[in-house]
PDB file of N, CA and C in Angstrom:
ATOM      1  N   MET A   1     -24.713 -60.629  28.295  1.00  0.00           N
ATOM      2  CA  MET A   1     -25.284 -60.691  26.955  1.00  0.00           C
ATOM      3  C   MET A   1     -26.773 -60.364  27.048  1.00  0.00           C
ATOM      4  N   PRO A   2     -27.387 -60.029  25.951  1.00  0.00           N
ATOM      5  CA  PRO A   2     -28.803 -59.689  25.938  1.00  0.00           C
ATOM      6  C   PRO A   2     -29.688 -60.849  26.361  1.00  0.00           C
ATOM      7  N   ASP A   3     -30.888 -60.506  26.731  1.00  0.00           N
ATOM      8  CA  ASP A   3     -31.902 -61.461  27.146  1.00  0.00           C
ATOM      9  C   ASP A   3     -32.157 -62.465  26.027  1.00  0.00           C
ATOM     10  N   ASP A   4     -32.075 -63.764  26.338  1.00  0.00           N
ATOM     11  CA  ASP A   4     -32.256 -64.816  25.340  1.00  0.00           C
ATOM     12  C   ASP A   4     -33.684 -64.945  24.845  1.00  0.00           C
ATOM     13  N   SER A   5     -34.649 -64.281  25.469  1.00  0.00           N
ATOM     14  CA  SER A   5     -36.043 -64.406  25.052  1.00  0.00           C
ATOM     15  C   SER A   5     -36.340 -63.596  23.790  1.00  0.00           C
ATOM     16  N   PHE A   6     -35.412 -62.739  23.365  1.00  0.00           N
ATOM     17  CA  PHE A   6     -35.601 -61.954  22.149  1.00  0.00           C
ATOM     18  C   PHE A   6     -35.262 -62.792  20.932  1.00  0.00           C
ATOM     19  N   ASP A   7     -35.928 -62.521  19.823  1.00  0.00           N
ATOM     20  CA  ASP A   7     -35.619 -63.152  18.543  1.00  0.00           C
ATOM     21  C   ASP A   7     -34.353 -62.496  17.996  1.00  0.00           C
ATOM     22  N   LEU A   8     -33.265 -63.258  17.911  1.00  0.00           N
ATOM     23  CA  LEU A   8     -31.990 -62.688  17.486  1.00  0.00           C
ATOM     24  C   LEU A   8     -32.021 -62.161  16.061  1.00  0.00           C
ATOM     25  N   GLY A   9     -33.004 -62.578  15.269  1.00  0.00           N
ATOM     26  CA  GLY A   9     -33.137 -62.040  13.923  1.00  0.00           C
ATOM     27  C   GLY A   9     -33.558 -60.582  13.921  1.00  0.00           C
ATOM     28  N   LEU A  10     -34.095 -60.105  15.034  1.00  0.00           N
ATOM     29  CA  LEU A  10     -34.556 -58.723  15.144  1.00  0.00           C
ATOM     30  C   LEU A  10     -33.551 -57.831  15.871  1.00  0.00           C
ATOM     31  N   VAL A  11     -32.351 -58.339  16.101  1.00  0.00           N
ATOM     32  CA  VAL A  11     -31.335 -57.609  16.843  1.00  0.00           C
ATOM     33  C   VAL A  11     -30.254 -57.109  15.889  1.00  0.00           C
ATOM     34  N   GLU A  12     -29.919 -55.835  16.017  1.00  0.00           N
ATOM     35  CA  GLU A  12     -28.806 -55.270  15.262  1.00  0.00           C
ATOM     36  C   GLU A  12     -27.636 -55.136  16.227  1.00  0.00           C
ATOM     37  N   SER A  13     -26.500 -55.745  15.910  1.00  0.00           N
ATOM     38  CA  SER A  13     -25.355 -55.754  16.818  1.00  0.00           C
ATOM     39  C   SER A  13     -24.134 -55.107  16.183  1.00  0.00           C
ATOM     40  N   HIS A  14     -23.342 -54.441  17.038  1.00  0.00           N
ATOM     41  CA  HIS A  14     -22.120 -53.769  16.591  1.00  0.00           C
ATOM     42  C   HIS A  14     -21.019 -54.023  17.610  1.00  0.00           C
ATOM     43  N   LEU A  15     -19.836 -54.396  17.130  1.00  0.00           N
ATOM     44  CA  LEU A  15     -18.662 -54.506  17.988  1.00  0.00           C
ATOM     45  C   LEU A  15     -17.900 -53.190  17.921  1.00  0.00           C
ATOM     46  N   VAL A  16     -17.530 -52.661  19.094  1.00  0.00           N
ATOM     47  CA  VAL A  16     -16.780 -51.410  19.176  1.00  0.00           C
ATOM     48  C   VAL A  16     -15.752 -51.537  20.295  1.00  0.00           C
ATOM     49  N   MET A  17     -14.823 -50.610  20.352  1.00  0.00           N
ATOM     50  CA  MET A  17     -13.910 -50.516  21.488  1.00  0.00           C
ATOM     51  C   MET A  17     -14.497 -49.491  22.452  1.00  0.00           C
ATOM     52  N   LEU A  18     -14.614 -49.875  23.718  1.00  0.00           N
ATOM     53  CA  LEU A  18     -15.179 -48.992  24.737  1.00  0.00           C
ATOM     54  C   LEU A  18     -14.295 -49.061  25.969  1.00  0.00           C
ATOM     55  N   ASN A  19     -13.655 -47.955  26.296  1.00  0.00           N
ATOM     56  CA  ASN A  19     -12.756 -47.884  27.451  1.00  0.00           C
ATOM     57  C   ASN A  19     -11.702 -48.986  27.431  1.00  0.00           C
ATOM     58  N   GLY A  20     -11.189 -49.304  26.247  1.00  0.00           N
ATOM     59  CA  GLY A  20     -10.137 -50.304  26.116  1.00  0.00           C
ATOM     60  C   GLY A  20     -10.616 -51.742  26.049  1.00  0.00           C
ATOM     61  N   TYR A  21     -11.914 -51.960  26.063  1.00  0.00           N
ATOM     62  CA  TYR A  21     -12.486 -53.309  25.997  1.00  0.00           C
ATOM     63  C   TYR A  21     -13.252 -53.492  24.696  1.00  0.00           C
ATOM     64  N   ILE A  22     -13.326 -54.745  24.250  1.00  0.00           N
ATOM     65  CA  ILE A  22     -14.212 -55.069  23.137  1.00  0.00           C
ATOM     66  C   ILE A  22     -15.628 -55.037  23.690  1.00  0.00           C
ATOM     67  N   ALA A  23     -16.480 -54.250  23.070  1.00  0.00           N
ATOM     68  CA  ALA A  23     -17.859 -54.113  23.545  1.00  0.00           C
ATOM     69  C   ALA A  23     -18.829 -54.499  22.435  1.00  0.00           C
ATOM     70  N   LEU A  24     -19.946 -55.047  22.842  1.00  0.00           N
ATOM     71  CA  LEU A  24     -21.020 -55.401  21.922  1.00  0.00           C
ATOM     72  C   LEU A  24     -22.209 -54.509  22.239  1.00  0.00           C
ATOM     73  N   ILE A  25     -22.659 -53.759  21.239  1.00  0.00           N
ATOM     74  CA  ILE A  25     -23.861 -52.944  21.389  1.00  0.00           C
ATOM     75  C   ILE A  25     -24.951 -53.633  20.591  1.00  0.00           C
ATOM     76  N   SER A  26     -25.985 -54.086  21.280  1.00  0.00           N
ATOM     77  CA  SER A  26     -27.101 -54.784  20.630  1.00  0.00           C
ATOM     78  C   SER A  26     -28.338 -53.913  20.726  1.00  0.00           C
ATOM     79  N   TYR A  27     -28.986 -53.694  19.595  1.00  0.00           N
ATOM     80  CA  TYR A  27     -30.173 -52.848  19.537  1.00  0.00           C
ATOM     81  C   TYR A  27     -31.387 -53.699  19.212  1.00  0.00           C
ATOM     82  N   TYR A  28     -32.401 -53.597  20.052  1.00  0.00           N
ATOM     83  CA  TYR A  28     -33.664 -54.308  19.871  1.00  0.00           C
ATOM     84  C   TYR A  28     -34.701 -53.295  19.406  1.00  0.00           C
ATOM     85  N   GLY A  29     -34.966 -53.284  18.107  1.00  0.00           N
ATOM     86  CA  GLY A  29     -35.851 -52.290  17.513  1.00  0.00           C
ATOM     87  C   GLY A  29     -37.263 -52.297  18.059  1.00  0.00           C
ATOM     88  N   GLU A  30     -37.781 -53.484  18.405  1.00  0.00           N
ATOM     89  CA  GLU A  30     -39.159 -53.571  18.913  1.00  0.00           C
ATOM     90  C   GLU A  30     -39.352 -52.759  20.185  1.00  0.00           C
ATOM     91  N   THR A  31     -38.322 -52.719  21.032  1.00  0.00           N
ATOM     92  CA  THR A  31     -38.440 -52.021  22.309  1.00  0.00           C
ATOM     93  C   THR A  31     -37.575 -50.765  22.380  1.00  0.00           C
ATOM     94  N   ALA A  32     -36.853 -50.454  21.288  1.00  0.00           N
ATOM     95  CA  ALA A  32     -35.937 -49.303  21.243  1.00  0.00           C
ATOM     96  C   ALA A  32     -34.965 -49.347  22.419  1.00  0.00           C
ATOM     97  N   THR A  33     -34.424 -50.548  22.679  1.00  0.00           N
ATOM     98  CA  THR A  33     -33.533 -50.771  23.806  1.00  0.00           C
ATOM     99  C   THR A  33     -32.155 -51.201  23.314  1.00  0.00           C
ATOM    100  N   PHE A  34     -31.117 -50.653  23.949  1.00  0.00           N
ATOM    101  CA  PHE A  34     -29.741 -51.042  23.668  1.00  0.00           C
ATOM    102  C   PHE A  34     -29.171 -51.785  24.862  1.00  0.00           C
ATOM    103  N   TYR A  35     -28.474 -52.884  24.588  1.00  0.00           N
ATOM    104  CA  TYR A  35     -27.721 -53.604  25.605  1.00  0.00           C
ATOM    105  C   TYR A  35     -26.251 -53.393  25.276  1.00  0.00           C
ATOM    106  N   ILE A  36     -25.474 -53.002  26.259  1.00  0.00           N
ATOM    107  CA  ILE A  36     -24.049 -52.786  26.052  1.00  0.00           C
ATOM    108  C   ILE A  36     -23.302 -53.735  26.975  1.00  0.00           C
ATOM    109  N   SER A  37     -22.514 -54.632  26.369  1.00  0.00           N
ATOM    110  CA  SER A  37     -21.760 -55.641  27.112  1.00  0.00           C
ATOM    111  C   SER A  37     -20.295 -55.547  26.728  1.00  0.00           C
ATOM    112  N   ILE A  38     -19.397 -55.953  27.661  1.00  0.00           N
ATOM    113  CA  ILE A  38     -17.974 -55.987  27.335  1.00  0.00           C
ATOM    114  C   ILE A  38     -17.458 -57.413  27.468  1.00  0.00           C
ATOM    115  N   LEU A  39     -16.411 -57.701  26.705  1.00  0.00           N
ATOM    116  CA  LEU A  39     -15.785 -59.015  26.718  1.00  0.00           C
ATOM    117  C   LEU A  39     -14.633 -59.007  27.705  1.00  0.00           C
ATOM    118  N   GLY A  40     -14.678 -59.923  28.673  1.00  0.00           N
ATOM    119  CA  GLY A  40     -13.620 -60.013  29.673  1.00  0.00           C
ATOM    120  C   GLY A  40     -12.404 -60.755  29.162  1.00  0.00           C
ATOM    121  N   GLU A  41     -12.631 -61.880  28.471  1.00  0.00           N
ATOM    122  CA  GLU A  41     -11.521 -62.702  27.981  1.00  0.00           C
ATOM    123  C   GLU A  41     -11.849 -63.224  26.590  1.00  0.00           C
ATOM    124  N   ILE A  42     -10.960 -62.972  25.651  1.00  0.00           N
ATOM    125  CA  ILE A  42     -11.171 -63.412  24.273  1.00  0.00           C
ATOM    126  C   ILE A  42     -11.255 -64.929  24.220  1.00  0.00           C
ATOM    127  N   GLY A  43     -12.265 -65.422  23.503  1.00  0.00           N
ATOM    128  CA  GLY A  43     -12.453 -66.860  23.328  1.00  0.00           C
ATOM    129  C   GLY A  43     -13.289 -67.518  24.409  1.00  0.00           C
ATOM    130  N   VAL A  44     -13.710 -66.757  25.418  1.00  0.00           N
ATOM    131  CA  VAL A  44     -14.515 -67.318  26.507  1.00  0.00           C
ATOM    132  C   VAL A  44     -15.899 -66.683  26.460  1.00  0.00           C
ATOM    133  N   LYS A  45     -16.875 -67.441  25.953  1.00  0.00           N
ATOM    134  CA  LYS A  45     -18.232 -66.931  25.774  1.00  0.00           C
ATOM    135  C   LYS A  45     -18.824 -66.411  27.086  1.00  0.00           C
ATOM    136  N   GLU A  46     -18.531 -67.093  28.173  1.00  0.00           N
ATOM    137  CA  GLU A  46     -19.114 -66.734  29.468  1.00  0.00           C
ATOM    138  C   GLU A  46     -18.499 -65.479  30.083  1.00  0.00           C
ATOM    139  N   SER A  47     -17.491 -64.899  29.419  1.00  0.00           N
ATOM    140  CA  SER A  47     -16.848 -63.728  30.010  1.00  0.00           C
ATOM    141  C   SER A  47     -17.491 -62.405  29.588  1.00  0.00           C
ATOM    142  N   TRP A  48     -18.582 -62.459  28.816  1.00  0.00           N
ATOM    143  CA  TRP A  48     -19.303 -61.231  28.476  1.00  0.00           C
ATOM    144  C   TRP A  48     -20.010 -60.706  29.720  1.00  0.00           C
ATOM    145  N   THR A  49     -19.861 -59.420  29.990  1.00  0.00           N
ATOM    146  CA  THR A  49     -20.504 -58.782  31.136  1.00  0.00           C
ATOM    147  C   THR A  49     -21.404 -57.663  30.636  1.00  0.00           C
ATOM    148  N   LYS A  50     -22.676 -57.721  31.022  1.00  0.00           N
ATOM    149  CA  LYS A  50     -23.614 -56.667  30.630  1.00  0.00           C
ATOM    150  C   LYS A  50     -23.342 -55.435  31.488  1.00  0.00           C
ATOM    151  N   LEU A  51     -22.998 -54.329  30.838  1.00  0.00           N
ATOM    152  CA  LEU A  51     -22.710 -53.085  31.549  1.00  0.00           C
ATOM    153  C   LEU A  51     -23.934 -52.212  31.710  1.00  0.00           C
ATOM    154  N   PHE A  52     -24.657 -52.018  30.610  1.00  0.00           N
ATOM    155  CA  PHE A  52     -25.782 -51.095  30.610  1.00  0.00           C
ATOM    156  C   PHE A  52     -26.935 -51.654  29.802  1.00  0.00           C
ATOM    157  N   ILE A  53     -28.114 -51.298  30.227  1.00  0.00           N
ATOM    158  CA  ILE A  53     -29.316 -51.468  29.417  1.00  0.00           C
ATOM    159  C   ILE A  53     -29.887 -50.065  29.279  1.00  0.00           C
ATOM    160  N   VAL A  54     -29.928 -49.590  28.056  1.00  0.00           N
ATOM    161  CA  VAL A  54     -30.410 -48.241  27.788  1.00  0.00           C
ATOM    162  C   VAL A  54     -31.718 -48.382  27.040  1.00  0.00           C
ATOM    163  N   GLY A  55     -32.814 -47.966  27.681  1.00  0.00           N
ATOM    164  CA  GLY A  55     -34.118 -48.208  27.094  1.00  0.00           C
ATOM    165  C   GLY A  55     -34.834 -46.983  26.595  1.00  0.00           C
ATOM    166  N   SER A  56     -35.794 -47.255  25.752  1.00  0.00           N
ATOM    167  CA  SER A  56     -36.723 -46.253  25.232  1.00  0.00           C
ATOM    168  C   SER A  56     -36.041 -45.081  24.544  1.00  0.00           C
ATOM    169  N   LEU A  57     -35.070 -45.377  23.704  1.00  0.00           N
ATOM    170  CA  LEU A  57     -34.456 -44.338  22.878  1.00  0.00           C
ATOM    171  C   LEU A  57     -35.097 -44.415  21.503  1.00  0.00           C
ATOM    172  N   SER A  58     -36.348 -44.037  21.444  1.00  0.00           N
ATOM    173  CA  SER A  58     -37.141 -44.238  20.232  1.00  0.00           C
ATOM    174  C   SER A  58     -36.632 -43.456  19.023  1.00  0.00           C
ATOM    175  N   THR A  59     -35.879 -42.386  19.237  1.00  0.00           N
ATOM    176  CA  THR A  59     -35.384 -41.611  18.098  1.00  0.00           C
ATOM    177  C   THR A  59     -34.051 -42.131  17.569  1.00  0.00           C
ATOM    178  N   VAL A  60     -33.371 -42.963  18.350  1.00  0.00           N
ATOM    179  CA  VAL A  60     -32.059 -43.471  17.965  1.00  0.00           C
ATOM    180  C   VAL A  60     -32.221 -44.684  17.066  1.00  0.00           C
ATOM    181  N   GLU A  61     -31.433 -44.705  15.976  1.00  0.00           N
ATOM    182  CA  GLU A  61     -31.569 -45.798  15.018  1.00  0.00           C
ATOM    183  C   GLU A  61     -30.441 -46.812  15.084  1.00  0.00           C
ATOM    184  N   ARG A  62     -29.186 -46.340  15.122  1.00  0.00           N
ATOM    185  CA  ARG A  62     -28.081 -47.293  15.130  1.00  0.00           C
ATOM    186  C   ARG A  62     -26.828 -46.665  15.723  1.00  0.00           C
ATOM    187  N   PRO A  63     -26.024 -47.478  16.406  1.00  0.00           N
ATOM    188  CA  PRO A  63     -24.753 -46.976  16.927  1.00  0.00           C
ATOM    189  C   PRO A  63     -23.722 -46.876  15.808  1.00  0.00           C
ATOM    190  N   ILE A  64     -22.821 -45.919  15.939  1.00  0.00           N
ATOM    191  CA  ILE A  64     -21.762 -45.738  14.956  1.00  0.00           C
ATOM    192  C   ILE A  64     -20.407 -46.083  15.567  1.00  0.00           C
ATOM    193  N   GLY A  65     -20.207 -45.766  16.850  1.00  0.00           N
ATOM    194  CA  GLY A  65     -18.934 -46.058  17.493  1.00  0.00           C
ATOM    195  C   GLY A  65     -18.936 -45.608  18.939  1.00  0.00           C
ATOM    196  N   ALA A  66     -17.803 -45.828  19.611  1.00  0.00           N
ATOM    197  CA  ALA A  66     -17.687 -45.487  21.023  1.00  0.00           C
ATOM    198  C   ALA A  66     -16.350 -44.812  21.275  1.00  0.00           C
ATOM    199  N   GLY A  67     -16.322 -43.964  22.307  1.00  0.00           N
ATOM    200  CA  GLY A  67     -15.100 -43.258  22.661  1.00  0.00           C
ATOM    201  C   GLY A  67     -14.556 -43.692  24.005  1.00  0.00           C
ATOM    202  N   LYS A  68     -13.360 -43.217  24.335  1.00  0.00           N
ATOM    203  CA  LYS A  68     -12.690 -43.602  25.572  1.00  0.00           C
ATOM    204  C   LYS A  68     -13.394 -43.070  26.815  1.00  0.00           C
ATOM    205  N   LYS A  69     -14.163 -42.027  26.665  1.00  0.00           N
ATOM    206  CA  LYS A  69     -14.771 -41.383  27.831  1.00  0.00           C
ATOM    207  C   LYS A  69     -16.199 -41.846  28.096  1.00  0.00           C
ATOM    208  N   GLY A  70     -16.574 -42.994  27.560  1.00  0.00           N
ATOM    209  CA  GLY A  70     -17.911 -43.516  27.809  1.00  0.00           C
ATOM    210  C   GLY A  70     -18.984 -42.870  26.968  1.00  0.00           C
ATOM    211  N   ASN A  71     -18.613 -42.360  25.808  1.00  0.00           N
ATOM    212  CA  ASN A  71     -19.584 -41.776  24.890  1.00  0.00           C
ATOM    213  C   ASN A  71     -19.829 -42.734  23.740  1.00  0.00           C
ATOM    214  N   ILE A  72     -21.066 -42.844  23.320  1.00  0.00           N
ATOM    215  CA  ILE A  72     -21.397 -43.666  22.164  1.00  0.00           C
ATOM    216  C   ILE A  72     -22.101 -42.780  21.154  1.00  0.00           C
ATOM    217  N   LEU A  73     -21.626 -42.841  19.926  1.00  0.00           N
ATOM    218  CA  LEU A  73     -22.161 -42.027  18.846  1.00  0.00           C
ATOM    219  C   LEU A  73     -23.257 -42.804  18.137  1.00  0.00           C
ATOM    220  N   PHE A  74     -24.417 -42.172  17.959  1.00  0.00           N
ATOM    221  CA  PHE A  74     -25.560 -42.799  17.309  1.00  0.00           C
ATOM    222  C   PHE A  74     -26.063 -41.940  16.163  1.00  0.00           C
ATOM    223  N   MET A  75     -26.697 -42.587  15.212  1.00  0.00           N
ATOM    224  CA  MET A  75     -27.436 -41.914  14.152  1.00  0.00           C
ATOM    225  C   MET A  75     -28.913 -42.011  14.544  1.00  0.00           C
ATOM    226  N   THR A  76     -29.656 -40.913  14.387  1.00  0.00           N
ATOM    227  CA  THR A  76     -31.079 -40.940  14.713  1.00  0.00           C
ATOM    228  C   THR A  76     -31.895 -41.281  13.471  1.00  0.00           C
ATOM    229  N   LYS A  77     -33.171 -41.530  13.682  1.00  0.00           N
ATOM    230  CA  LYS A  77     -34.080 -41.820  12.573  1.00  0.00           C
ATOM    231  C   LYS A  77     -34.251 -40.613  11.656  1.00  0.00           C
ATOM    232  N   ASP A  78     -33.972 -39.409  12.179  1.00  0.00           N
ATOM    233  CA  ASP A  78     -34.054 -38.180  11.385  1.00  0.00           C
ATOM    234  C   ASP A  78     -32.724 -37.837  10.724  1.00  0.00           C
ATOM    235  N   ASP A  79     -31.793 -38.800  10.713  1.00  0.00           N
ATOM    236  CA  ASP A  79     -30.482 -38.627  10.076  1.00  0.00           C
ATOM    237  C   ASP A  79     -29.645 -37.561  10.771  1.00  0.00           C
ATOM    238  N   GLU A  80     -29.726 -37.503  12.102  1.00  0.00           N
ATOM    239  CA  GLU A  80     -28.917 -36.583  12.887  1.00  0.00           C
ATOM    240  C   GLU A  80     -27.916 -37.385  13.703  1.00  0.00           C
ATOM    241  N   LEU A  81     -26.806 -36.747  14.048  1.00  0.00           N
ATOM    242  CA  LEU A  81     -25.768 -37.380  14.841  1.00  0.00           C
ATOM    243  C   LEU A  81     -25.939 -36.963  16.295  1.00  0.00           C
ATOM    244  N   VAL A  82     -26.008 -37.948  17.203  1.00  0.00           N
ATOM    245  CA  VAL A  82     -26.123 -37.663  18.630  1.00  0.00           C
ATOM    246  C   VAL A  82     -25.084 -38.484  19.382  1.00  0.00           C
ATOM    247  N   CYS A  83     -24.770 -38.031  20.572  1.00  0.00           N
ATOM    248  CA  CYS A  83     -23.808 -38.710  21.423  1.00  0.00           C
ATOM    249  C   CYS A  83     -24.515 -39.092  22.719  1.00  0.00           C
ATOM    250  N   PHE A  84     -24.386 -40.351  23.128  1.00  0.00           N
ATOM    251  CA  PHE A  84     -24.977 -40.807  24.381  1.00  0.00           C
ATOM    252  C   PHE A  84     -23.859 -40.960  25.400  1.00  0.00           C
ATOM    253  N   ASP A  85     -23.970 -40.247  26.523  1.00  0.00           N
ATOM    254  CA  ASP A  85     -22.981 -40.307  27.594  1.00  0.00           C
ATOM    255  C   ASP A  85     -23.409 -41.382  28.583  1.00  0.00           C
ATOM    256  N   LEU A  86     -22.625 -42.458  28.683  1.00  0.00           N
ATOM    257  CA  LEU A  86     -22.986 -43.555  29.581  1.00  0.00           C
ATOM    258  C   LEU A  86     -22.957 -43.130  31.044  1.00  0.00           C
ATOM    259  N   GLY A  87     -22.111 -42.157  31.387  1.00  0.00           N
ATOM    260  CA  GLY A  87     -22.019 -41.688  32.766  1.00  0.00           C
ATOM    261  C   GLY A  87     -23.266 -40.947  33.219  1.00  0.00           C
ATOM    262  N   THR A  88     -23.770 -40.057  32.374  1.00  0.00           N
ATOM    263  CA  THR A  88     -24.939 -39.257  32.740  1.00  0.00           C
ATOM    264  C   THR A  88     -26.238 -39.846  32.202  1.00  0.00           C
ATOM    265  N   GLN A  89     -26.117 -40.823  31.276  1.00  0.00           N
ATOM    266  CA  GLN A  89     -27.274 -41.451  30.628  1.00  0.00           C
ATOM    267  C   GLN A  89     -28.104 -40.422  29.852  1.00  0.00           C
ATOM    268  N   LYS A  90     -27.425 -39.430  29.270  1.00  0.00           N
ATOM    269  CA  LYS A  90     -28.124 -38.393  28.510  1.00  0.00           C
ATOM    270  C   LYS A  90     -27.635 -38.364  27.069  1.00  0.00           C
ATOM    271  N   ILE A  91     -28.547 -37.968  26.181  1.00  0.00           N
ATOM    272  CA  ILE A  91     -28.222 -37.802  24.773  1.00  0.00           C
ATOM    273  C   ILE A  91     -27.925 -36.335  24.508  1.00  0.00           C
ATOM    274  N   VAL A  92     -26.838 -36.093  23.785  1.00  0.00           N
ATOM    275  CA  VAL A  92     -26.454 -34.739  23.405  1.00  0.00           C
ATOM    276  C   VAL A  92     -26.510 -34.651  21.883  1.00  0.00           C
ATOM    277  N   GLU A  93     -27.277 -33.703  21.376  1.00  0.00           N
ATOM    278  CA  GLU A  93     -27.330 -33.480  19.932  1.00  0.00           C
ATOM    279  C   GLU A  93     -26.058 -32.763  19.520  1.00  0.00           C
ATOM    280  N   LEU A  94     -25.420 -33.247  18.454  1.00  0.00           N
ATOM    281  CA  LEU A  94     -24.145 -32.687  18.025  1.00  0.00           C
ATOM    282  C   LEU A  94     -24.275 -31.631  16.941  1.00  0.00           C
ATOM    283  N   GLY A  95     -25.481 -31.434  16.425  1.00  0.00           N
ATOM    284  CA  GLY A  95     -25.707 -30.385  15.443  1.00  0.00           C
ATOM    285  C   GLY A  95     -25.337 -30.748  14.017  1.00  0.00           C
ATOM    286  N   PHE A  96     -25.176 -32.034  13.742  1.00  0.00           N
ATOM    287  CA  PHE A  96     -24.870 -32.482  12.388  1.00  0.00           C
ATOM    288  C   PHE A  96     -26.033 -33.311  11.874  1.00  0.00           C
ATOM    289  N   GLU A  97     -26.403 -33.086  10.619  1.00  0.00           N
ATOM    290  CA  GLU A  97     -27.472 -33.889  10.027  1.00  0.00           C
ATOM    291  C   GLU A  97     -27.249 -34.038   8.529  1.00  0.00           C
ATOM    292  N   GLY A  98     -27.958 -35.002   7.948  1.00  0.00           N
ATOM    293  CA  GLY A  98     -27.885 -35.235   6.508  1.00  0.00           C
ATOM    294  C   GLY A  98     -26.494 -35.612   6.040  1.00  0.00           C
ATOM    295  N   ASP A  99     -26.065 -35.018   4.916  1.00  0.00           N
ATOM    296  CA  ASP A  99     -24.757 -35.329   4.334  1.00  0.00           C
ATOM    297  C   ASP A  99     -23.608 -34.984   5.276  1.00  0.00           C
ATOM    298  N   MET A 100     -23.759 -33.909   6.032  1.00  0.00           N
ATOM    299  CA  MET A 100     -22.721 -33.515   6.986  1.00  0.00           C
ATOM    300  C   MET A 100     -22.532 -34.605   8.035  1.00  0.00           C
ATOM    301  N   CYS A 101     -23.610 -35.275   8.373  1.00  0.00           N
ATOM    302  CA  CYS A 101     -23.581 -36.361   9.346  1.00  0.00           C
ATOM    303  C   CYS A 101     -22.671 -37.486   8.873  1.00  0.00           C
ATOM    304  N   GLN A 102     -22.753 -37.830   7.600  1.00  0.00           N
ATOM    305  CA  GLN A 102     -21.923 -38.903   7.056  1.00  0.00           C
ATOM    306  C   GLN A 102     -20.449 -38.529   7.116  1.00  0.00           C
ATOM    307  N   MET A 103     -20.131 -37.283   6.821  1.00  0.00           N
ATOM    308  CA  MET A 103     -18.744 -36.845   6.863  1.00  0.00           C
ATOM    309  C   MET A 103     -18.205 -36.898   8.290  1.00  0.00           C
ATOM    310  N   VAL A 104     -18.983 -36.384   9.240  1.00  0.00           N
ATOM    311  CA  VAL A 104     -18.551 -36.357  10.633  1.00  0.00           C
ATOM    312  C   VAL A 104     -18.466 -37.767  11.193  1.00  0.00           C
ATOM    313  N   SER A 105     -19.425 -38.644  10.860  1.00  0.00           N
ATOM    314  CA  SER A 105     -19.389 -40.004  11.389  1.00  0.00           C
ATOM    315  C   SER A 105     -18.166 -40.753  10.875  1.00  0.00           C
ATOM    316  N   GLY A 106     -17.681 -40.403   9.686  1.00  0.00           N
ATOM    317  CA  GLY A 106     -16.454 -41.002   9.175  1.00  0.00           C
ATOM    318  C   GLY A 106     -15.227 -40.562   9.949  1.00  0.00           C
ATOM    319  N   MET A 107     -15.342 -39.429  10.638  1.00  0.00           N
ATOM    320  CA  MET A 107     -14.237 -38.894  11.429  1.00  0.00           C
ATOM    321  C   MET A 107     -14.406 -39.185  12.917  1.00  0.00           C
ATOM    322  N   TYR A 108     -15.407 -39.974  13.319  1.00  0.00           N
ATOM    323  CA  TYR A 108     -15.725 -40.118  14.737  1.00  0.00           C
ATOM    324  C   TYR A 108     -14.572 -40.571  15.614  1.00  0.00           C
ATOM    325  N   PRO A 109     -13.636 -41.416  15.162  1.00  0.00           N
ATOM    326  CA  PRO A 109     -12.548 -41.775  16.082  1.00  0.00           C
ATOM    327  C   PRO A 109     -11.761 -40.546  16.528  1.00  0.00           C
ATOM    328  N   THR A 110     -11.522 -39.616  15.612  1.00  0.00           N
ATOM    329  CA  THR A 110     -10.802 -38.395  15.955  1.00  0.00           C
ATOM    330  C   THR A 110     -11.613 -37.549  16.923  1.00  0.00           C
ATOM    331  N   LEU A 111     -12.905 -37.443  16.685  1.00  0.00           N
ATOM    332  CA  LEU A 111     -13.757 -36.622  17.543  1.00  0.00           C
ATOM    333  C   LEU A 111     -13.894 -37.201  18.941  1.00  0.00           C
ATOM    334  N   LEU A 112     -14.045 -38.518  19.040  1.00  0.00           N
ATOM    335  CA  LEU A 112     -14.315 -39.132  20.332  1.00  0.00           C
ATOM    336  C   LEU A 112     -13.066 -39.497  21.115  1.00  0.00           C
ATOM    337  N   TYR A 113     -11.951 -39.714  20.442  1.00  0.00           N
ATOM    338  CA  TYR A 113     -10.750 -40.155  21.132  1.00  0.00           C
ATOM    339  C   TYR A 113      -9.796 -39.024  21.462  1.00  0.00           C
ATOM    340  N   SER A 114     -10.107 -37.818  21.034  1.00  0.00           N
ATOM    341  CA  SER A 114      -9.190 -36.715  21.319  1.00  0.00           C
ATOM    342  C   SER A 114      -9.221 -36.386  22.805  1.00  0.00           C
ATOM    343  N   PRO A 115      -8.055 -36.011  23.379  1.00  0.00           N
ATOM    344  CA  PRO A 115      -7.985 -35.753  24.833  1.00  0.00           C
ATOM    345  C   PRO A 115      -8.735 -34.512  25.247  1.00  0.00           C
TER     346      PRO A 115
END
């Protein structure tokens, strides 16, 4: 789980499915840092395992979802859709912005889960 020294009122959190696990993506706006944790056992608070700390993504605003291949879809502050690859730790711009971004983000399970 994220560092307890942060004010939880300043944290934006999202539950997603990541590689078959329930995952929590927590975004700390003050530091532009994301913590990605997975739940080992439902109902057991201590079973959360921190997988990644992704820092200094100042252009990224909020996560939208996650795919089976370790990709996380984010919306940027400029209203663009980007994909973060957990394996390579790189952001890939998907070429969608504005209204088109909303349409594509609504279809993200199809885009990210396709073989």
